[in-house]
Amino acid sequence: MTTTQLTATQHAVLAHAIHHTDGKLEWFPDNVKGGARKKVLDGLFNRALITPSGTDWFVAAEGYDALGCERPAPAPLNADPEIEAAVTAAEATWAQERAEAKPRTRENSKQAAVIRMLQRPEGATVHQICEATGWQAHTVRGTFAGAFKKKLGLTILSDKPEGGERVYRIA
């Protein structure tokens, strides 16, 4: 354990705050005014022994350790039933909205055109989709796996008739 070296003034200020004001720095010796008071605060702050809270200063956990004092226990949290109920209701609403929200596709996009092709009873081949969109074959297959299956949650079925080209459909 490392011992923190404190000046007599720093020690007195910390000790008074810990033992008399619940950790709030309110008292300084009478001979410490103006610039000297700022130097004491700067010295404590630079070693993380105090922490600011608004315009006030409080002893940090390290300040308690420097004086060998026990750190104060945090106040127990009392659950507010009204707030808990409101949070639970909000979480349920968000979960429902997320479940109902479906990714959408613009009606005039290439992606929408491909979906329409795949919804036809005869389906579509990769070659037909390439001609309609100007995409390359690997882009079409990547769109099936990424945008359609993962993002839109569509189920893509494929059939390969004997001697023919593979045909894709949306289930």
N, C-alpha and C. Protein backbone atom coordinates (compact mmCIF):
# COMPACT_ATOMS: atom_id res chain seq x y z
N MET A 1 0.85 -1.17 0.00
CA MET A 1 0.00 0.00 0.00
C MET A 1 0.89 1.23 0.00
N THR A 2 0.61 2.20 -0.87
CA THR A 2 1.39 3.42 -0.98
C THR A 2 0.82 4.46 -0.03
N THR A 3 1.70 5.14 0.67
CA THR A 3 1.27 6.20 1.58
C THR A 3 1.32 7.52 0.84
N THR A 4 0.24 8.28 0.91
CA THR A 4 0.18 9.58 0.27
C THR A 4 0.72 10.63 1.23
N GLN A 5 1.71 11.40 0.78
CA GLN A 5 2.29 12.46 1.60
C GLN A 5 1.40 13.70 1.51
N LEU A 6 0.95 14.16 2.66
CA LEU A 6 0.10 15.34 2.72
C LEU A 6 0.78 16.41 3.56
N THR A 7 0.53 17.66 3.21
CA THR A 7 0.98 18.74 4.08
C THR A 7 0.07 18.76 5.30
N ALA A 8 0.50 19.47 6.33
CA ALA A 8 -0.31 19.57 7.54
C ALA A 8 -1.66 20.19 7.24
N THR A 9 -1.68 21.19 6.36
CA THR A 9 -2.94 21.85 6.01
C THR A 9 -3.85 20.91 5.24
N GLN A 10 -3.28 20.20 4.25
CA GLN A 10 -4.09 19.25 3.49
C GLN A 10 -4.69 18.18 4.40
N HIS A 11 -3.88 17.67 5.31
CA HIS A 11 -4.34 16.65 6.25
C HIS A 11 -5.48 17.20 7.12
N ALA A 12 -5.31 18.42 7.62
CA ALA A 12 -6.32 19.02 8.49
C ALA A 12 -7.63 19.24 7.74
N VAL A 13 -7.55 19.72 6.50
CA VAL A 13 -8.75 19.99 5.70
C VAL A 13 -9.49 18.68 5.41
N LEU A 14 -8.76 17.65 4.99
CA LEU A 14 -9.39 16.36 4.70
C LEU A 14 -10.00 15.76 5.97
N ALA A 15 -9.25 15.78 7.06
CA ALA A 15 -9.73 15.18 8.31
C ALA A 15 -11.00 15.87 8.79
N HIS A 16 -11.04 17.20 8.72
CA HIS A 16 -12.23 17.93 9.16
C HIS A 16 -13.43 17.57 8.29
N ALA A 17 -13.22 17.50 6.96
CA ALA A 17 -14.31 17.18 6.05
C ALA A 17 -14.85 15.77 6.32
N ILE A 18 -13.95 14.83 6.56
CA ILE A 18 -14.37 13.44 6.78
C ILE A 18 -15.13 13.30 8.10
N HIS A 19 -14.62 13.93 9.14
CA HIS A 19 -15.19 13.71 10.47
C HIS A 19 -16.32 14.65 10.85
N HIS A 20 -16.47 15.78 10.14
CA HIS A 20 -17.47 16.77 10.58
C HIS A 20 -18.53 17.14 9.54
N THR A 21 -18.25 16.98 8.26
CA THR A 21 -19.19 17.48 7.25
C THR A 21 -19.52 16.44 6.19
N ASP A 22 -19.46 15.16 6.53
CA ASP A 22 -19.78 14.08 5.59
C ASP A 22 -18.99 14.17 4.30
N GLY A 23 -17.75 14.60 4.37
CA GLY A 23 -16.88 14.62 3.21
C GLY A 23 -16.88 15.92 2.44
N LYS A 24 -17.68 16.89 2.81
CA LYS A 24 -17.72 18.16 2.09
C LYS A 24 -16.66 19.10 2.65
N LEU A 25 -15.84 19.68 1.77
CA LEU A 25 -14.79 20.61 2.21
C LEU A 25 -15.42 21.97 2.46
N GLU A 26 -15.58 22.31 3.71
CA GLU A 26 -16.17 23.60 4.09
C GLU A 26 -15.24 24.43 4.96
N TRP A 27 -14.28 23.78 5.60
CA TRP A 27 -13.45 24.44 6.59
C TRP A 27 -12.00 24.49 6.15
N PHE A 28 -11.35 25.62 6.37
CA PHE A 28 -9.92 25.78 6.15
C PHE A 28 -9.35 26.47 7.39
N PRO A 29 -8.10 26.21 7.75
CA PRO A 29 -7.49 26.93 8.86
C PRO A 29 -7.55 28.44 8.60
N ASP A 30 -7.60 29.22 9.67
CA ASP A 30 -7.74 30.68 9.56
C ASP A 30 -6.61 31.32 8.76
N ASN A 31 -5.40 30.73 8.80
CA ASN A 31 -4.27 31.34 8.11
C ASN A 31 -4.20 30.96 6.63
N VAL A 32 -5.16 30.17 6.12
CA VAL A 32 -5.16 29.75 4.71
C VAL A 32 -6.28 30.50 4.00
N LYS A 33 -5.88 31.50 3.21
CA LYS A 33 -6.84 32.33 2.49
C LYS A 33 -6.40 32.50 1.03
N GLY A 34 -7.32 32.89 0.17
CA GLY A 34 -7.04 33.26 -1.22
C GLY A 34 -6.22 32.25 -1.99
N GLY A 35 -5.03 32.69 -2.42
CA GLY A 35 -4.17 31.86 -3.26
C GLY A 35 -3.70 30.60 -2.55
N ALA A 36 -3.46 30.70 -1.23
CA ALA A 36 -3.03 29.52 -0.48
C ALA A 36 -4.14 28.47 -0.44
N ARG A 37 -5.39 28.92 -0.32
CA ARG A 37 -6.53 28.00 -0.30
C ARG A 37 -6.63 27.30 -1.66
N LYS A 38 -6.42 28.05 -2.75
CA LYS A 38 -6.46 27.45 -4.09
C LYS A 38 -5.35 26.43 -4.26
N LYS A 39 -4.16 26.72 -3.72
CA LYS A 39 -3.05 25.76 -3.82
C LYS A 39 -3.36 24.46 -3.06
N VAL A 40 -3.98 24.58 -1.90
CA VAL A 40 -4.36 23.39 -1.13
C VAL A 40 -5.35 22.56 -1.95
N LEU A 41 -6.38 23.21 -2.50
CA LEU A 41 -7.38 22.51 -3.32
C LEU A 41 -6.74 21.88 -4.55
N ASP A 42 -5.88 22.64 -5.25
CA ASP A 42 -5.21 22.11 -6.45
C ASP A 42 -4.37 20.89 -6.10
N GLY A 43 -3.63 20.95 -5.00
CA GLY A 43 -2.79 19.83 -4.59
C GLY A 43 -3.62 18.59 -4.30
N LEU A 44 -4.74 18.75 -3.63
CA LEU A 44 -5.62 17.61 -3.33
C LEU A 44 -6.28 17.08 -4.60
N PHE A 45 -6.72 18.00 -5.45
CA PHE A 45 -7.40 17.60 -6.68
C PHE A 45 -6.44 16.88 -7.63
N ASN A 46 -5.21 17.38 -7.77
CA ASN A 46 -4.24 16.78 -8.69
C ASN A 46 -3.88 15.36 -8.29
N ARG A 47 -4.03 15.01 -7.03
CA ARG A 47 -3.76 13.65 -6.57
C ARG A 47 -5.06 12.85 -6.42
N ALA A 48 -6.15 13.39 -6.94
CA ALA A 48 -7.47 12.74 -6.95
C ALA A 48 -7.96 12.43 -5.54
N LEU A 49 -7.63 13.27 -4.57
CA LEU A 49 -8.09 13.07 -3.21
C LEU A 49 -9.42 13.77 -2.96
N ILE A 50 -9.75 14.75 -3.81
CA ILE A 50 -11.04 15.44 -3.72
C ILE A 50 -11.65 15.48 -5.11
N THR A 51 -12.95 15.69 -5.14
CA THR A 51 -13.67 15.75 -6.42
C THR A 51 -14.67 16.90 -6.37
N PRO A 52 -14.85 17.60 -7.50
CA PRO A 52 -15.82 18.70 -7.51
C PRO A 52 -17.23 18.18 -7.73
N SER A 53 -18.19 18.91 -7.18
CA SER A 53 -19.60 18.64 -7.41
C SER A 53 -20.28 20.00 -7.45
N GLY A 54 -20.51 20.49 -8.64
CA GLY A 54 -21.05 21.85 -8.79
C GLY A 54 -19.99 22.83 -8.32
N THR A 55 -20.32 23.67 -7.34
CA THR A 55 -19.35 24.63 -6.81
C THR A 55 -18.69 24.12 -5.55
N ASP A 56 -19.06 22.93 -5.08
CA ASP A 56 -18.52 22.38 -3.85
C ASP A 56 -17.46 21.33 -4.15
N TRP A 57 -16.65 21.03 -3.13
CA TRP A 57 -15.62 19.99 -3.21
C TRP A 57 -15.93 18.93 -2.16
N PHE A 58 -15.72 17.67 -2.53
CA PHE A 58 -15.95 16.56 -1.61
C PHE A 58 -14.73 15.66 -1.60
N VAL A 59 -14.53 14.97 -0.48
CA VAL A 59 -13.43 14.03 -0.36
C VAL A 59 -13.74 12.82 -1.23
N ALA A 60 -12.79 12.45 -2.10
CA ALA A 60 -12.95 11.28 -2.95
C ALA A 60 -12.57 10.03 -2.16
N ALA A 61 -12.86 8.87 -2.73
CA ALA A 61 -12.54 7.61 -2.06
C ALA A 61 -11.05 7.55 -1.73
N GLU A 62 -10.20 8.05 -2.63
CA GLU A 62 -8.75 8.04 -2.40
C GLU A 62 -8.37 8.94 -1.23
N GLY A 63 -9.15 9.98 -0.97
CA GLY A 63 -8.91 10.86 0.17
C GLY A 63 -9.14 10.14 1.48
N TYR A 64 -10.19 9.32 1.53
CA TYR A 64 -10.45 8.50 2.72
C TYR A 64 -9.29 7.52 2.92
N ASP A 65 -8.83 6.91 1.81
CA ASP A 65 -7.73 5.96 1.89
C ASP A 65 -6.45 6.64 2.39
N ALA A 66 -6.19 7.87 1.94
CA ALA A 66 -4.98 8.58 2.32
C ALA A 66 -4.93 8.83 3.83
N LEU A 67 -6.08 9.00 4.45
CA LEU A 67 -6.12 9.22 5.90
C LEU A 67 -6.34 7.93 6.67
N GLY A 68 -6.49 6.82 5.95
CA GLY A 68 -6.71 5.54 6.61
C GLY A 68 -8.11 5.42 7.18
N CYS A 69 -9.05 6.15 6.63
CA CYS A 69 -10.43 6.11 7.10
C CYS A 69 -11.25 5.20 6.18
N GLU A 70 -12.31 4.64 6.74
CA GLU A 70 -13.19 3.79 5.97
C GLU A 70 -14.02 4.63 5.00
N ARG A 71 -14.12 4.16 3.79
CA ARG A 71 -14.93 4.87 2.79
C ARG A 71 -16.41 4.78 3.18
N PRO A 72 -17.16 5.84 2.92
CA PRO A 72 -18.59 5.78 3.24
C PRO A 72 -19.31 4.83 2.28
N ALA A 73 -20.28 4.12 2.79
CA ALA A 73 -21.07 3.21 1.96
C ALA A 73 -22.09 4.02 1.19
N PRO A 74 -22.32 3.67 -0.07
CA PRO A 74 -23.34 4.39 -0.83
C PRO A 74 -24.71 4.16 -0.22
N ALA A 75 -25.54 5.16 -0.34
CA ALA A 75 -26.90 5.05 0.20
C ALA A 75 -27.65 3.98 -0.58
N PRO A 76 -28.43 3.16 0.14
CA PRO A 76 -29.19 2.12 -0.56
C PRO A 76 -30.24 2.75 -1.46
N LEU A 77 -30.44 2.12 -2.60
CA LEU A 77 -31.44 2.62 -3.55
C LEU A 77 -32.80 2.03 -3.20
N ASN A 78 -33.76 2.88 -3.06
CA ASN A 78 -35.13 2.45 -2.82
C ASN A 78 -35.88 2.50 -4.13
N ALA A 79 -36.40 1.36 -4.54
CA ALA A 79 -37.12 1.29 -5.80
C ALA A 79 -38.47 1.99 -5.66
N ASP A 80 -38.78 2.83 -6.63
CA ASP A 80 -40.07 3.50 -6.67
C ASP A 80 -40.99 2.66 -7.55
N PRO A 81 -42.06 2.10 -6.99
CA PRO A 81 -42.92 1.21 -7.77
C PRO A 81 -43.52 1.89 -9.00
N GLU A 82 -43.84 3.17 -8.91
CA GLU A 82 -44.42 3.88 -10.06
C GLU A 82 -43.41 3.97 -11.19
N ILE A 83 -42.16 4.31 -10.85
CA ILE A 83 -41.13 4.43 -11.87
C ILE A 83 -40.84 3.06 -12.47
N GLU A 84 -40.74 2.04 -11.62
CA GLU A 84 -40.50 0.68 -12.11
C GLU A 84 -41.60 0.25 -13.08
N ALA A 85 -42.86 0.55 -12.76
CA ALA A 85 -43.98 0.19 -13.63
C ALA A 85 -43.90 0.95 -14.95
N ALA A 86 -43.53 2.23 -14.89
CA ALA A 86 -43.41 3.03 -16.11
C ALA A 86 -42.28 2.51 -16.99
N VAL A 87 -41.16 2.14 -16.40
CA VAL A 87 -40.04 1.60 -17.17
C VAL A 87 -40.42 0.28 -17.81
N THR A 88 -41.08 -0.58 -17.07
CA THR A 88 -41.51 -1.88 -17.61
C THR A 88 -42.47 -1.68 -18.77
N ALA A 89 -43.40 -0.76 -18.63
CA ALA A 89 -44.36 -0.49 -19.71
C ALA A 89 -43.66 0.07 -20.94
N ALA A 90 -42.71 0.98 -20.74
CA ALA A 90 -41.97 1.56 -21.86
C ALA A 90 -41.15 0.49 -22.57
N GLU A 91 -40.48 -0.38 -21.81
CA GLU A 91 -39.70 -1.45 -22.43
C GLU A 91 -40.58 -2.39 -23.24
N ALA A 92 -41.77 -2.70 -22.73
CA ALA A 92 -42.69 -3.57 -23.46
C ALA A 92 -43.14 -2.91 -24.76
N THR A 93 -43.42 -1.61 -24.69
CA THR A 93 -43.83 -0.87 -25.89
C THR A 93 -42.72 -0.87 -26.92
N TRP A 94 -41.48 -0.61 -26.47
CA TRP A 94 -40.35 -0.59 -27.41
C TRP A 94 -40.13 -1.96 -28.04
N ALA A 95 -40.26 -3.02 -27.25
CA ALA A 95 -40.08 -4.36 -27.78
C ALA A 95 -41.14 -4.67 -28.83
N GLN A 96 -42.39 -4.25 -28.56
CA GLN A 96 -43.47 -4.49 -29.51
C GLN A 96 -43.24 -3.69 -30.80
N GLU A 97 -42.83 -2.43 -30.66
CA GLU A 97 -42.57 -1.60 -31.84
C GLU A 97 -41.45 -2.20 -32.68
N ARG A 98 -40.41 -2.71 -32.01
CA ARG A 98 -39.30 -3.31 -32.72
C ARG A 98 -39.74 -4.56 -33.46
N ALA A 99 -40.63 -5.37 -32.81
CA ALA A 99 -41.11 -6.59 -33.43
C ALA A 99 -42.00 -6.30 -34.63
N GLU A 100 -42.80 -5.22 -34.53
CA GLU A 100 -43.72 -4.87 -35.62
C GLU A 100 -43.01 -4.15 -36.76
N ALA A 101 -41.90 -3.50 -36.46
CA ALA A 101 -41.20 -2.72 -37.48
C ALA A 101 -40.54 -3.67 -38.47
N LYS A 102 -40.94 -3.56 -39.70
CA LYS A 102 -40.33 -4.38 -40.74
C LYS A 102 -39.53 -3.47 -41.65
N PRO A 103 -38.34 -3.90 -42.01
CA PRO A 103 -37.58 -3.09 -42.95
C PRO A 103 -38.39 -2.93 -44.22
N ARG A 104 -38.35 -1.76 -44.76
CA ARG A 104 -39.15 -1.53 -45.96
C ARG A 104 -38.24 -1.23 -47.15
N THR A 105 -38.80 -1.44 -48.31
CA THR A 105 -38.08 -1.22 -49.55
C THR A 105 -38.87 -0.21 -50.37
N ARG A 106 -38.18 0.75 -50.99
CA ARG A 106 -38.86 1.70 -51.87
C ARG A 106 -39.46 0.94 -53.05
N GLU A 107 -40.62 1.36 -53.49
CA GLU A 107 -41.32 0.66 -54.57
C GLU A 107 -40.62 0.77 -55.92
N ASN A 108 -39.84 1.83 -56.13
CA ASN A 108 -39.21 2.03 -57.43
C ASN A 108 -37.73 1.62 -57.44
N SER A 109 -37.30 0.87 -56.45
CA SER A 109 -35.89 0.49 -56.36
C SER A 109 -35.63 -0.82 -57.09
N LYS A 110 -34.36 -1.09 -57.34
CA LYS A 110 -33.99 -2.36 -57.96
C LYS A 110 -34.33 -3.52 -57.03
N GLN A 111 -34.14 -3.28 -55.73
CA GLN A 111 -34.45 -4.33 -54.76
C GLN A 111 -35.93 -4.70 -54.83
N ALA A 112 -36.81 -3.71 -54.94
CA ALA A 112 -38.25 -3.97 -55.04
C ALA A 112 -38.56 -4.73 -56.33
N ALA A 113 -37.87 -4.36 -57.41
CA ALA A 113 -38.08 -5.06 -58.68
C ALA A 113 -37.68 -6.53 -58.56
N VAL A 114 -36.57 -6.80 -57.88
CA VAL A 114 -36.12 -8.18 -57.70
C VAL A 114 -37.13 -8.95 -56.85
N ILE A 115 -37.64 -8.32 -55.80
CA ILE A 115 -38.63 -8.99 -54.95
C ILE A 115 -39.87 -9.33 -55.77
N ARG A 116 -40.32 -8.41 -56.62
CA ARG A 116 -41.49 -8.69 -57.47
C ARG A 116 -41.20 -9.87 -58.40
N MET A 117 -39.99 -9.93 -58.94
CA MET A 117 -39.62 -11.04 -59.82
C MET A 117 -39.65 -12.37 -59.06
N LEU A 118 -39.16 -12.35 -57.81
CA LEU A 118 -39.11 -13.57 -57.02
C LEU A 118 -40.49 -14.00 -56.54
N GLN A 119 -41.46 -13.08 -56.51
CA GLN A 119 -42.81 -13.40 -56.07
C GLN A 119 -43.66 -13.99 -57.19
N ARG A 120 -43.19 -13.88 -58.41
CA ARG A 120 -43.94 -14.46 -59.53
C ARG A 120 -44.02 -15.97 -59.36
N PRO A 121 -45.08 -16.59 -59.86
CA PRO A 121 -45.20 -18.06 -59.74
C PRO A 121 -44.02 -18.80 -60.37
N GLU A 122 -43.50 -18.26 -61.48
CA GLU A 122 -42.38 -18.95 -62.14
C GLU A 122 -41.04 -18.58 -61.53
N GLY A 123 -41.01 -17.58 -60.58
CA GLY A 123 -39.77 -17.17 -59.93
C GLY A 123 -38.85 -16.43 -60.89
N ALA A 124 -37.56 -16.45 -60.61
CA ALA A 124 -36.60 -15.78 -61.47
C ALA A 124 -35.25 -16.45 -61.34
N THR A 125 -34.49 -16.40 -62.44
CA THR A 125 -33.13 -16.93 -62.41
C THR A 125 -32.16 -15.79 -62.13
N VAL A 126 -30.95 -16.14 -61.75
CA VAL A 126 -29.94 -15.12 -61.51
C VAL A 126 -29.69 -14.34 -62.80
N HIS A 127 -29.69 -15.01 -63.92
CA HIS A 127 -29.47 -14.36 -65.21
C HIS A 127 -30.56 -13.33 -65.50
N GLN A 128 -31.84 -13.67 -65.26
CA GLN A 128 -32.94 -12.74 -65.49
C GLN A 128 -32.81 -11.51 -64.58
N ILE A 129 -32.43 -11.73 -63.33
CA ILE A 129 -32.28 -10.62 -62.39
C ILE A 129 -31.12 -9.73 -62.80
N CYS A 130 -30.04 -10.33 -63.28
CA CYS A 130 -28.89 -9.55 -63.75
C CYS A 130 -29.29 -8.65 -64.92
N GLU A 131 -30.07 -9.19 -65.85
CA GLU A 131 -30.51 -8.39 -67.00
C GLU A 131 -31.43 -7.25 -66.57
N ALA A 132 -32.30 -7.51 -65.59
CA ALA A 132 -33.26 -6.50 -65.16
C ALA A 132 -32.61 -5.39 -64.33
N THR A 133 -31.57 -5.72 -63.59
CA THR A 133 -30.98 -4.73 -62.66
C THR A 133 -29.64 -4.18 -63.12
N GLY A 134 -28.95 -4.91 -63.97
CA GLY A 134 -27.61 -4.50 -64.35
C GLY A 134 -26.57 -4.96 -63.34
N TRP A 135 -26.99 -5.78 -62.38
CA TRP A 135 -26.07 -6.29 -61.37
C TRP A 135 -25.30 -7.48 -61.92
N GLN A 136 -24.19 -7.79 -61.26
CA GLN A 136 -23.46 -9.01 -61.58
C GLN A 136 -24.04 -10.14 -60.74
N ALA A 137 -23.74 -11.38 -61.14
CA ALA A 137 -24.33 -12.55 -60.49
C ALA A 137 -23.99 -12.60 -58.99
N HIS A 138 -22.77 -12.26 -58.63
CA HIS A 138 -22.39 -12.33 -57.21
C HIS A 138 -23.15 -11.28 -56.39
N THR A 139 -23.52 -10.16 -57.02
CA THR A 139 -24.30 -9.14 -56.32
C THR A 139 -25.71 -9.65 -56.05
N VAL A 140 -26.28 -10.36 -57.02
CA VAL A 140 -27.62 -10.91 -56.86
C VAL A 140 -27.62 -11.92 -55.71
N ARG A 141 -26.65 -12.84 -55.73
CA ARG A 141 -26.60 -13.85 -54.67
C ARG A 141 -26.33 -13.21 -53.30
N GLY A 142 -25.50 -12.18 -53.26
CA GLY A 142 -25.25 -11.46 -52.00
C GLY A 142 -26.49 -10.75 -51.50
N THR A 143 -27.29 -10.21 -52.43
CA THR A 143 -28.54 -9.55 -52.04
C THR A 143 -29.52 -10.56 -51.45
N PHE A 144 -29.56 -11.77 -52.02
CA PHE A 144 -30.41 -12.81 -51.47
C PHE A 144 -30.04 -13.08 -50.01
N ALA A 145 -28.75 -13.27 -49.77
CA ALA A 145 -28.29 -13.66 -48.42
C ALA A 145 -28.37 -12.48 -47.44
N GLY A 146 -27.93 -11.31 -47.84
CA GLY A 146 -27.85 -10.18 -46.92
C GLY A 146 -29.15 -9.43 -46.76
N ALA A 147 -29.57 -8.76 -47.82
CA ALA A 147 -30.74 -7.89 -47.72
C ALA A 147 -32.03 -8.67 -47.55
N PHE A 148 -32.20 -9.71 -48.34
CA PHE A 148 -33.48 -10.41 -48.31
C PHE A 148 -33.62 -11.33 -47.11
N LYS A 149 -32.64 -12.20 -46.89
CA LYS A 149 -32.75 -13.16 -45.79
C LYS A 149 -32.50 -12.50 -44.44
N LYS A 150 -31.38 -11.81 -44.29
CA LYS A 150 -31.01 -11.27 -42.98
C LYS A 150 -31.80 -10.03 -42.60
N LYS A 151 -31.86 -9.04 -43.50
CA LYS A 151 -32.50 -7.77 -43.14
C LYS A 151 -34.01 -7.81 -43.26
N LEU A 152 -34.52 -8.36 -44.36
CA LEU A 152 -35.97 -8.37 -44.58
C LEU A 152 -36.63 -9.63 -44.04
N GLY A 153 -35.85 -10.64 -43.70
CA GLY A 153 -36.40 -11.87 -43.13
C GLY A 153 -37.18 -12.71 -44.14
N LEU A 154 -36.89 -12.56 -45.41
CA LEU A 154 -37.58 -13.34 -46.43
C LEU A 154 -36.96 -14.73 -46.54
N THR A 155 -37.76 -15.70 -46.92
CA THR A 155 -37.27 -17.06 -47.15
C THR A 155 -37.17 -17.26 -48.65
N ILE A 156 -35.96 -17.49 -49.12
CA ILE A 156 -35.73 -17.69 -50.55
C ILE A 156 -35.57 -19.19 -50.81
N LEU A 157 -36.41 -19.72 -51.72
CA LEU A 157 -36.33 -21.12 -52.12
C LEU A 157 -35.69 -21.19 -53.49
N SER A 158 -34.98 -22.28 -53.75
CA SER A 158 -34.41 -22.45 -55.09
C SER A 158 -34.71 -23.84 -55.61
N ASP A 159 -34.88 -23.91 -56.92
CA ASP A 159 -35.18 -25.15 -57.63
C ASP A 159 -34.25 -25.22 -58.83
N LYS A 160 -33.76 -26.43 -59.12
CA LYS A 160 -32.97 -26.57 -60.34
C LYS A 160 -33.57 -27.71 -61.16
N PRO A 161 -34.34 -27.31 -62.19
CA PRO A 161 -34.93 -28.37 -63.03
C PRO A 161 -33.83 -29.10 -63.81
N GLU A 162 -34.13 -30.32 -64.17
CA GLU A 162 -33.17 -31.15 -64.90
C GLU A 162 -32.72 -30.45 -66.18
N GLY A 163 -31.41 -30.20 -66.26
CA GLY A 163 -30.85 -29.59 -67.46
C GLY A 163 -31.15 -28.10 -67.58
N GLY A 164 -31.74 -27.48 -66.57
CA GLY A 164 -32.08 -26.06 -66.66
C GLY A 164 -31.29 -25.21 -65.67
N GLU A 165 -31.61 -23.94 -65.65
CA GLU A 165 -30.94 -22.99 -64.76
C GLU A 165 -31.70 -22.93 -63.43
N ARG A 166 -30.98 -22.67 -62.34
CA ARG A 166 -31.58 -22.60 -61.01
C ARG A 166 -32.57 -21.44 -60.95
N VAL A 167 -33.76 -21.70 -60.38
CA VAL A 167 -34.83 -20.71 -60.28
C VAL A 167 -35.05 -20.40 -58.80
N TYR A 168 -35.15 -19.13 -58.48
CA TYR A 168 -35.34 -18.68 -57.10
C TYR A 168 -36.74 -18.11 -56.93
N ARG A 169 -37.34 -18.36 -55.74
CA ARG A 169 -38.67 -17.84 -55.42
C ARG A 169 -38.68 -17.43 -53.95
N ILE A 170 -39.60 -16.53 -53.62
CA ILE A 170 -39.85 -16.18 -52.22
C ILE A 170 -40.92 -17.12 -51.72
N ALA A 171 -40.67 -17.76 -50.59
CA ALA A 171 -41.62 -18.74 -50.03
C ALA A 171 -42.86 -18.03 -49.53
